[in-house]
């Protein structure tokens, strides 16, 4: 069974994230969306809220599981018997950083491969930080996030 992990903070999950999840789920037997609990960041949504959002927007995807993790990504993959990391690339500027991370992960565990998926053009500008910024100033985020996520923002007001 080929198991992959798509890691991220997903604060919040965007339509771009959902696109990568849908596409990568077709490439593997099981996709684990790993929600990073990063103590260095101050997220808008708690880990539990982010896991719940992802569970809701992926509920119809039978081979997708959502799980929070902290620590080294390669250790999380080992625990899950996963051998593939999925990463989305929006622009060439993402590639340099993602390449460094992929190479580091390969040094930490040479059995783990990283697959880069280029984000669909319609989402190439989209990031969680942009969504948070638009929402902060009362902008319409309905074309940026799934409906359920938009509802979660409205509850935060």
N, C-alpha and C. Protein backbone atom coordinates (compact mmCIF):
# COMPACT_ATOMS: atom_id res chain seq x y z
N UNK A 1 0.85 -1.18 0.00
CA UNK A 1 0.00 0.00 0.00
C UNK A 1 0.89 1.24 0.00
N UNK A 2 0.65 2.13 -0.94
CA UNK A 2 1.42 3.39 -1.01
C UNK A 2 0.69 4.44 -0.19
N UNK A 3 1.37 4.89 0.89
CA UNK A 3 0.80 5.89 1.79
C UNK A 3 1.63 7.17 1.68
N UNK A 4 0.92 8.29 1.51
CA UNK A 4 1.58 9.59 1.41
C UNK A 4 1.05 10.51 2.49
N UNK A 5 1.86 11.50 2.83
CA UNK A 5 1.46 12.53 3.78
C UNK A 5 1.56 13.89 3.08
N UNK A 6 0.49 14.66 3.19
CA UNK A 6 0.48 16.04 2.72
C UNK A 6 0.47 16.91 3.97
N UNK A 7 1.64 17.44 4.36
CA UNK A 7 1.74 18.20 5.61
C UNK A 7 1.50 19.69 5.40
N UNK A 8 1.07 20.33 6.46
CA UNK A 8 0.92 21.78 6.42
C UNK A 8 0.25 22.27 7.68
N UNK A 9 0.19 23.60 7.81
CA UNK A 9 -0.50 24.16 8.96
C UNK A 9 -2.00 24.31 8.67
N UNK A 10 -2.36 24.54 7.42
CA UNK A 10 -3.77 24.62 7.01
C UNK A 10 -4.56 25.57 7.90
N UNK A 11 -4.04 26.79 8.05
CA UNK A 11 -4.65 27.78 8.94
C UNK A 11 -5.13 29.00 8.16
N UNK A 12 -6.20 28.88 7.39
CA UNK A 12 -7.13 27.75 7.23
C UNK A 12 -6.82 26.97 5.96
N UNK A 13 -7.56 25.88 5.77
CA UNK A 13 -7.50 25.14 4.51
C UNK A 13 -8.13 26.01 3.43
N UNK A 14 -7.46 26.10 2.29
CA UNK A 14 -7.95 26.92 1.18
C UNK A 14 -8.41 26.01 0.04
N UNK A 15 -9.00 26.62 -0.98
CA UNK A 15 -9.37 25.85 -2.16
C UNK A 15 -8.13 25.31 -2.87
N UNK A 16 -7.01 26.00 -2.74
CA UNK A 16 -5.75 25.50 -3.30
C UNK A 16 -5.29 24.23 -2.59
N UNK A 17 -5.37 24.23 -1.27
CA UNK A 17 -5.05 23.02 -0.51
C UNK A 17 -5.97 21.87 -0.92
N UNK A 18 -7.24 22.16 -1.01
CA UNK A 18 -8.22 21.13 -1.35
C UNK A 18 -7.93 20.55 -2.73
N UNK A 19 -7.51 21.39 -3.65
CA UNK A 19 -7.15 20.93 -4.99
C UNK A 19 -5.97 19.95 -4.94
N UNK A 20 -4.96 20.28 -4.15
CA UNK A 20 -3.80 19.39 -4.00
C UNK A 20 -4.23 18.08 -3.33
N UNK A 21 -5.08 18.16 -2.33
CA UNK A 21 -5.58 16.95 -1.66
C UNK A 21 -6.31 16.05 -2.65
N UNK A 22 -7.21 16.62 -3.41
CA UNK A 22 -7.98 15.83 -4.38
C UNK A 22 -7.08 15.17 -5.41
N UNK A 23 -6.14 15.91 -5.94
CA UNK A 23 -5.25 15.38 -6.97
C UNK A 23 -4.29 14.34 -6.42
N UNK A 24 -3.71 14.59 -5.24
CA UNK A 24 -2.75 13.63 -4.70
C UNK A 24 -3.43 12.36 -4.19
N UNK A 25 -4.67 12.46 -3.76
CA UNK A 25 -5.40 11.27 -3.31
C UNK A 25 -5.57 10.26 -4.45
N UNK A 26 -5.55 10.74 -5.68
CA UNK A 26 -5.66 9.85 -6.84
C UNK A 26 -4.34 9.11 -7.13
N UNK A 27 -3.25 9.58 -6.55
CA UNK A 27 -1.93 9.03 -6.84
C UNK A 27 -1.50 7.94 -5.86
N UNK A 28 -2.19 7.85 -4.72
CA UNK A 28 -1.76 6.92 -3.66
C UNK A 28 -2.96 6.11 -3.16
N UNK A 29 -2.64 5.06 -2.42
CA UNK A 29 -3.71 4.25 -1.82
C UNK A 29 -4.34 4.97 -0.63
N UNK A 30 -3.49 5.64 0.16
CA UNK A 30 -3.98 6.39 1.31
C UNK A 30 -3.22 7.71 1.40
N UNK A 31 -3.96 8.79 1.61
CA UNK A 31 -3.36 10.10 1.81
C UNK A 31 -3.69 10.56 3.22
N UNK A 32 -2.65 10.86 3.98
CA UNK A 32 -2.82 11.42 5.32
C UNK A 32 -2.50 12.91 5.23
N UNK A 33 -3.47 13.73 5.55
CA UNK A 33 -3.23 15.17 5.61
C UNK A 33 -2.75 15.44 7.03
N UNK A 34 -1.48 15.80 7.14
CA UNK A 34 -0.86 16.02 8.44
C UNK A 34 -0.94 17.48 8.83
N UNK A 35 -1.70 17.76 9.87
CA UNK A 35 -1.89 19.13 10.34
C UNK A 35 -0.82 19.42 11.39
N UNK A 36 0.09 20.29 11.02
CA UNK A 36 1.23 20.59 11.88
C UNK A 36 0.82 21.47 13.06
N UNK A 37 1.18 21.00 14.23
CA UNK A 37 1.01 21.78 15.45
C UNK A 37 2.35 22.46 15.69
N UNK A 38 2.53 23.65 15.14
CA UNK A 38 3.80 24.36 15.17
C UNK A 38 3.81 25.35 16.33
N UNK A 39 4.61 25.07 17.33
CA UNK A 39 4.66 25.93 18.53
C UNK A 39 5.30 27.29 18.23
N UNK A 40 5.93 27.45 17.07
CA UNK A 40 6.55 28.72 16.71
C UNK A 40 5.57 29.70 16.08
N UNK A 41 4.36 29.22 15.77
CA UNK A 41 3.36 30.08 15.13
C UNK A 41 2.19 30.30 16.07
N UNK A 42 1.48 31.38 15.83
CA UNK A 42 0.25 31.68 16.56
C UNK A 42 -0.91 31.57 15.58
N UNK A 43 -1.46 30.38 15.42
CA UNK A 43 -2.50 30.19 14.42
C UNK A 43 -3.82 30.86 14.81
N UNK A 44 -4.60 31.19 13.81
CA UNK A 44 -5.94 31.73 14.03
C UNK A 44 -6.86 30.63 14.55
N UNK A 45 -6.74 29.43 13.96
CA UNK A 45 -7.57 28.30 14.35
C UNK A 45 -6.71 27.30 15.13
N UNK A 46 -7.32 26.69 16.14
CA UNK A 46 -6.62 25.67 16.91
C UNK A 46 -6.37 24.44 16.04
N UNK A 47 -5.50 23.57 16.49
CA UNK A 47 -5.24 22.33 15.76
C UNK A 47 -6.54 21.55 15.61
N UNK A 48 -7.33 21.48 16.67
CA UNK A 48 -8.59 20.74 16.62
C UNK A 48 -9.53 21.34 15.58
N UNK A 49 -9.61 22.66 15.53
CA UNK A 49 -10.48 23.32 14.54
C UNK A 49 -10.00 23.04 13.11
N UNK A 50 -8.68 23.07 12.91
CA UNK A 50 -8.14 22.81 11.58
C UNK A 50 -8.38 21.37 11.16
N UNK A 51 -8.21 20.43 12.10
CA UNK A 51 -8.50 19.02 11.80
C UNK A 51 -9.97 18.86 11.46
N UNK A 52 -10.85 19.50 12.24
CA UNK A 52 -12.29 19.42 11.97
C UNK A 52 -12.65 20.00 10.61
N UNK A 53 -12.05 21.14 10.27
CA UNK A 53 -12.33 21.74 8.95
C UNK A 53 -11.92 20.79 7.83
N UNK A 54 -10.74 20.22 7.95
CA UNK A 54 -10.25 19.30 6.92
C UNK A 54 -11.10 18.03 6.87
N UNK A 55 -11.51 17.52 8.02
CA UNK A 55 -12.39 16.35 8.01
C UNK A 55 -13.69 16.65 7.28
N UNK A 56 -14.22 17.83 7.50
CA UNK A 56 -15.48 18.21 6.86
C UNK A 56 -15.33 18.33 5.34
N UNK A 57 -14.27 19.01 4.89
CA UNK A 57 -14.15 19.27 3.45
C UNK A 57 -13.62 18.07 2.67
N UNK A 58 -13.15 17.04 3.38
CA UNK A 58 -12.66 15.82 2.70
C UNK A 58 -13.53 14.61 3.01
N UNK A 59 -14.66 14.81 3.62
CA UNK A 59 -15.47 13.68 4.11
C UNK A 59 -15.89 12.71 3.02
N UNK A 60 -15.94 13.15 1.77
CA UNK A 60 -16.33 12.26 0.67
C UNK A 60 -15.14 11.58 0.00
N UNK A 61 -13.95 11.85 0.47
CA UNK A 61 -12.75 11.24 -0.09
C UNK A 61 -12.37 10.04 0.76
N UNK A 62 -12.66 8.86 0.27
CA UNK A 62 -12.56 7.63 1.07
C UNK A 62 -11.13 7.28 1.48
N UNK A 63 -10.12 7.67 0.72
CA UNK A 63 -8.75 7.29 1.06
C UNK A 63 -7.96 8.44 1.71
N UNK A 64 -8.68 9.43 2.24
CA UNK A 64 -8.03 10.57 2.89
C UNK A 64 -8.32 10.55 4.38
N UNK A 65 -7.25 10.67 5.17
CA UNK A 65 -7.37 10.77 6.63
C UNK A 65 -6.71 12.06 7.08
N UNK A 66 -7.22 12.62 8.15
CA UNK A 66 -6.68 13.85 8.70
C UNK A 66 -6.11 13.55 10.08
N UNK A 67 -4.90 14.03 10.33
CA UNK A 67 -4.30 13.78 11.64
C UNK A 67 -3.33 14.90 11.99
N UNK A 68 -3.40 15.35 13.24
CA UNK A 68 -2.46 16.37 13.73
C UNK A 68 -1.14 15.70 14.10
N UNK A 69 -0.06 16.47 13.97
CA UNK A 69 1.25 15.97 14.40
C UNK A 69 2.13 17.14 14.80
N UNK A 70 3.18 16.83 15.54
CA UNK A 70 4.22 17.81 15.82
C UNK A 70 5.55 17.09 15.73
N UNK A 71 6.61 17.85 15.76
CA UNK A 71 7.92 17.24 15.63
C UNK A 71 8.34 17.10 14.18
N UNK A 72 9.31 16.22 13.95
CA UNK A 72 9.85 16.04 12.60
C UNK A 72 8.87 15.29 11.70
N UNK A 73 8.72 15.80 10.51
CA UNK A 73 7.82 15.18 9.53
C UNK A 73 8.25 13.75 9.23
N UNK A 74 9.54 13.49 9.08
CA UNK A 74 9.99 12.14 8.74
C UNK A 74 9.62 11.14 9.84
N UNK A 75 9.60 11.58 11.08
CA UNK A 75 9.20 10.70 12.18
C UNK A 75 7.71 10.40 12.10
N UNK A 76 6.92 11.39 11.72
CA UNK A 76 5.48 11.17 11.54
C UNK A 76 5.25 10.16 10.40
N UNK A 77 5.99 10.29 9.32
CA UNK A 77 5.86 9.34 8.21
C UNK A 77 6.19 7.92 8.66
N UNK A 78 7.25 7.79 9.44
CA UNK A 78 7.62 6.46 9.93
C UNK A 78 6.50 5.85 10.75
N UNK A 79 5.89 6.64 11.64
CA UNK A 79 4.79 6.15 12.48
C UNK A 79 3.60 5.69 11.64
N UNK A 80 3.42 6.33 10.50
CA UNK A 80 2.27 6.05 9.64
C UNK A 80 2.60 5.07 8.51
N UNK A 81 3.82 4.54 8.50
CA UNK A 81 4.28 3.65 7.43
C UNK A 81 4.14 4.30 6.05
N UNK A 82 4.35 5.58 6.00
CA UNK A 82 4.26 6.34 4.76
C UNK A 82 5.66 6.50 4.17
N UNK A 83 5.71 6.58 2.84
CA UNK A 83 7.01 6.72 2.18
C UNK A 83 7.07 7.92 1.23
N UNK A 84 5.99 8.69 1.16
CA UNK A 84 5.91 9.80 0.21
C UNK A 84 5.38 11.04 0.91
N UNK A 85 6.04 12.16 0.64
CA UNK A 85 5.58 13.47 1.08
C UNK A 85 5.03 14.20 -0.14
N UNK A 86 3.85 14.78 -0.01
CA UNK A 86 3.25 15.59 -1.08
C UNK A 86 3.42 17.06 -0.71
N UNK A 87 3.89 17.85 -1.64
CA UNK A 87 3.99 19.29 -1.43
C UNK A 87 3.46 20.01 -2.66
N UNK A 88 2.75 21.11 -2.43
CA UNK A 88 2.24 21.92 -3.51
C UNK A 88 3.17 23.09 -3.79
N UNK A 89 3.31 23.41 -5.06
CA UNK A 89 4.13 24.56 -5.47
C UNK A 89 3.25 25.57 -6.19
N UNK A 90 3.27 26.81 -5.72
CA UNK A 90 2.49 27.87 -6.36
C UNK A 90 3.33 28.63 -7.37
N UNK A 91 4.58 28.85 -7.03
CA UNK A 91 5.45 29.69 -7.86
C UNK A 91 6.88 29.19 -7.73
N UNK A 92 7.75 29.68 -8.58
CA UNK A 92 9.15 29.28 -8.55
C UNK A 92 9.77 29.62 -7.21
N UNK A 93 9.30 30.68 -6.57
CA UNK A 93 9.84 31.05 -5.25
C UNK A 93 9.58 29.97 -4.21
N UNK A 94 8.49 29.22 -4.34
CA UNK A 94 8.22 28.11 -3.42
C UNK A 94 9.24 26.99 -3.61
N UNK A 95 9.68 26.80 -4.85
CA UNK A 95 10.51 25.64 -5.16
C UNK A 95 11.82 25.64 -4.40
N UNK A 96 12.48 26.77 -4.30
CA UNK A 96 13.79 26.82 -3.63
C UNK A 96 13.68 26.35 -2.18
N UNK A 97 12.70 26.88 -1.46
CA UNK A 97 12.50 26.49 -0.07
C UNK A 97 12.10 25.01 0.03
N UNK A 98 11.15 24.60 -0.80
CA UNK A 98 10.65 23.22 -0.75
C UNK A 98 11.75 22.21 -1.13
N UNK A 99 12.63 22.59 -2.05
CA UNK A 99 13.74 21.72 -2.43
C UNK A 99 14.67 21.50 -1.24
N UNK A 100 14.98 22.56 -0.50
CA UNK A 100 15.83 22.44 0.68
C UNK A 100 15.20 21.50 1.71
N UNK A 101 13.92 21.64 1.93
CA UNK A 101 13.22 20.78 2.90
C UNK A 101 13.22 19.34 2.41
N UNK A 102 12.94 19.13 1.13
CA UNK A 102 12.92 17.77 0.57
C UNK A 102 14.29 17.11 0.69
N UNK A 103 15.34 17.87 0.40
CA UNK A 103 16.68 17.31 0.50
C UNK A 103 17.05 17.00 1.95
N UNK A 104 16.64 17.84 2.87
CA UNK A 104 16.88 17.58 4.29
C UNK A 104 16.14 16.32 4.73
N UNK A 105 14.87 16.21 4.33
CA UNK A 105 14.10 15.01 4.69
C UNK A 105 14.74 13.75 4.11
N UNK A 106 15.31 13.87 2.91
CA UNK A 106 15.97 12.72 2.28
C UNK A 106 17.24 12.32 3.05
N UNK A 107 17.94 13.29 3.58
CA UNK A 107 19.12 13.00 4.41
C UNK A 107 18.67 12.31 5.70
N UNK A 108 17.57 12.79 6.29
CA UNK A 108 17.08 12.21 7.54
C UNK A 108 16.54 10.80 7.34
N UNK A 109 15.94 10.54 6.16
CA UNK A 109 15.43 9.21 5.85
C UNK A 109 15.42 9.02 4.33
N UNK A 110 16.44 8.36 3.78
CA UNK A 110 16.56 8.19 2.33
C UNK A 110 15.43 7.37 1.70
N UNK A 111 14.62 6.69 2.49
CA UNK A 111 13.52 5.90 1.94
C UNK A 111 12.28 6.75 1.64
N UNK A 112 12.32 8.01 2.04
CA UNK A 112 11.18 8.90 1.84
C UNK A 112 11.41 9.76 0.60
N UNK A 113 10.41 9.78 -0.27
CA UNK A 113 10.44 10.61 -1.47
C UNK A 113 9.46 11.76 -1.32
N UNK A 114 9.78 12.87 -1.98
CA UNK A 114 8.88 14.02 -2.02
C UNK A 114 8.37 14.20 -3.43
N UNK A 115 7.06 14.35 -3.56
CA UNK A 115 6.42 14.63 -4.84
C UNK A 115 5.89 16.05 -4.80
N UNK A 116 6.28 16.85 -5.79
CA UNK A 116 5.79 18.22 -5.90
C UNK A 116 4.66 18.26 -6.91
N UNK A 117 3.53 18.82 -6.51
CA UNK A 117 2.42 19.05 -7.43
C UNK A 117 2.30 20.55 -7.65
N UNK A 118 2.27 20.94 -8.90
CA UNK A 118 2.11 22.36 -9.23
C UNK A 118 0.64 22.72 -9.05
N UNK A 119 0.41 23.76 -8.29
CA UNK A 119 -0.94 24.22 -8.03
C UNK A 119 -1.62 24.63 -9.33
N UNK A 120 -2.89 24.31 -9.45
CA UNK A 120 -3.64 24.78 -10.61
C UNK A 120 -3.54 26.30 -10.69
N UNK A 121 -3.49 26.82 -11.90
CA UNK A 121 -3.29 28.25 -12.13
C UNK A 121 -4.28 29.10 -11.35
N UNK A 122 -5.53 28.64 -11.27
CA UNK A 122 -6.54 29.46 -10.60
C UNK A 122 -6.27 29.66 -9.11
N UNK A 123 -5.36 28.85 -8.53
CA UNK A 123 -5.03 28.98 -7.11
C UNK A 123 -3.59 29.41 -6.87
N UNK A 124 -2.88 29.80 -7.91
CA UNK A 124 -1.44 30.06 -7.79
C UNK A 124 -1.11 31.25 -6.89
N UNK A 125 -2.04 32.13 -6.68
CA UNK A 125 -1.82 33.30 -5.82
C UNK A 125 -2.25 33.05 -4.38
N UNK A 126 -2.94 31.96 -4.13
CA UNK A 126 -3.68 31.75 -2.90
C UNK A 126 -2.83 31.16 -1.78
N UNK A 127 -2.92 31.74 -0.60
CA UNK A 127 -2.26 31.20 0.58
C UNK A 127 -3.17 31.42 1.79
N UNK A 128 -2.92 30.67 2.84
CA UNK A 128 -3.69 30.84 4.06
C UNK A 128 -3.53 32.24 4.63
N UNK A 129 -2.33 32.79 4.54
CA UNK A 129 -2.10 34.14 5.08
C UNK A 129 -2.91 35.19 4.31
N UNK A 130 -3.04 35.01 3.00
CA UNK A 130 -3.88 35.94 2.22
C UNK A 130 -5.33 35.84 2.66
N UNK A 131 -5.81 34.61 2.87
CA UNK A 131 -7.19 34.42 3.32
C UNK A 131 -7.40 35.10 4.67
N UNK A 132 -6.49 34.89 5.61
CA UNK A 132 -6.63 35.52 6.93
C UNK A 132 -6.65 37.04 6.81
N UNK A 133 -5.81 37.59 5.93
CA UNK A 133 -5.74 39.04 5.75
C UNK A 133 -7.04 39.58 5.17
N UNK A 134 -7.56 38.93 4.14
CA UNK A 134 -8.81 39.37 3.53
C UNK A 134 -9.94 39.29 4.56
N UNK A 135 -10.01 38.20 5.30
CA UNK A 135 -11.06 38.03 6.30
C UNK A 135 -10.94 39.05 7.43
N UNK A 136 -9.72 39.35 7.82
CA UNK A 136 -9.48 40.31 8.91
C UNK A 136 -10.12 41.66 8.61
N UNK A 137 -10.09 42.06 7.34
CA UNK A 137 -10.63 43.36 6.96
C UNK A 137 -12.03 43.27 6.35
N UNK A 138 -12.69 42.13 6.60
CA UNK A 138 -14.09 42.00 6.19
C UNK A 138 -14.31 41.69 4.72
N UNK A 139 -13.28 41.27 4.01
CA UNK A 139 -13.42 40.94 2.61
C UNK A 139 -14.13 39.60 2.41
N UNK A 140 -14.61 39.40 1.21
CA UNK A 140 -15.33 38.18 0.85
C UNK A 140 -14.33 37.07 0.54
N UNK A 141 -14.34 36.01 1.34
CA UNK A 141 -13.41 34.89 1.14
C UNK A 141 -14.08 33.69 0.48
N UNK A 142 -15.30 33.87 0.00
CA UNK A 142 -16.06 32.74 -0.53
C UNK A 142 -15.43 32.10 -1.76
N UNK A 143 -14.59 32.82 -2.49
CA UNK A 143 -13.91 32.23 -3.65
C UNK A 143 -12.51 31.73 -3.30
N UNK A 144 -12.17 31.76 -2.02
CA UNK A 144 -10.84 31.37 -1.57
C UNK A 144 -10.83 30.10 -0.73
N UNK A 145 -11.95 29.82 -0.06
CA UNK A 145 -12.03 28.69 0.87
C UNK A 145 -13.33 27.93 0.66
N UNK A 146 -13.38 26.66 1.08
CA UNK A 146 -14.65 25.94 1.05
C UNK A 146 -15.70 26.64 1.93
N UNK A 147 -16.96 26.42 1.63
CA UNK A 147 -18.05 27.07 2.36
C UNK A 147 -17.96 26.82 3.87
N UNK A 148 -17.65 25.60 4.26
CA UNK A 148 -17.56 25.27 5.68
C UNK A 148 -16.49 26.12 6.38
N UNK A 149 -15.39 26.35 5.71
CA UNK A 149 -14.30 27.16 6.28
C UNK A 149 -14.76 28.61 6.41
N UNK A 150 -15.49 29.09 5.43
CA UNK A 150 -16.04 30.46 5.51
C UNK A 150 -16.94 30.59 6.73
N UNK A 151 -17.76 29.57 6.98
CA UNK A 151 -18.62 29.57 8.16
C UNK A 151 -17.80 29.60 9.45
N UNK A 152 -16.69 28.89 9.47
CA UNK A 152 -15.82 28.89 10.65
C UNK A 152 -15.24 30.27 10.91
N UNK A 153 -14.91 31.01 9.85
CA UNK A 153 -14.42 32.39 10.01
C UNK A 153 -15.51 33.26 10.61
N UNK A 154 -16.74 33.08 10.15
CA UNK A 154 -17.85 33.89 10.65
C UNK A 154 -18.07 33.65 12.14
N UNK A 155 -17.81 32.44 12.60
CA UNK A 155 -17.95 32.13 14.04
C UNK A 155 -16.83 32.78 14.85
N UNK A 156 -15.71 33.08 14.22
CA UNK A 156 -14.57 33.69 14.92
C UNK A 156 -14.81 35.17 15.21
N UNK A 157 -15.74 35.77 14.49
CA UNK A 157 -15.97 37.23 14.65
C UNK A 157 -16.46 37.56 16.03
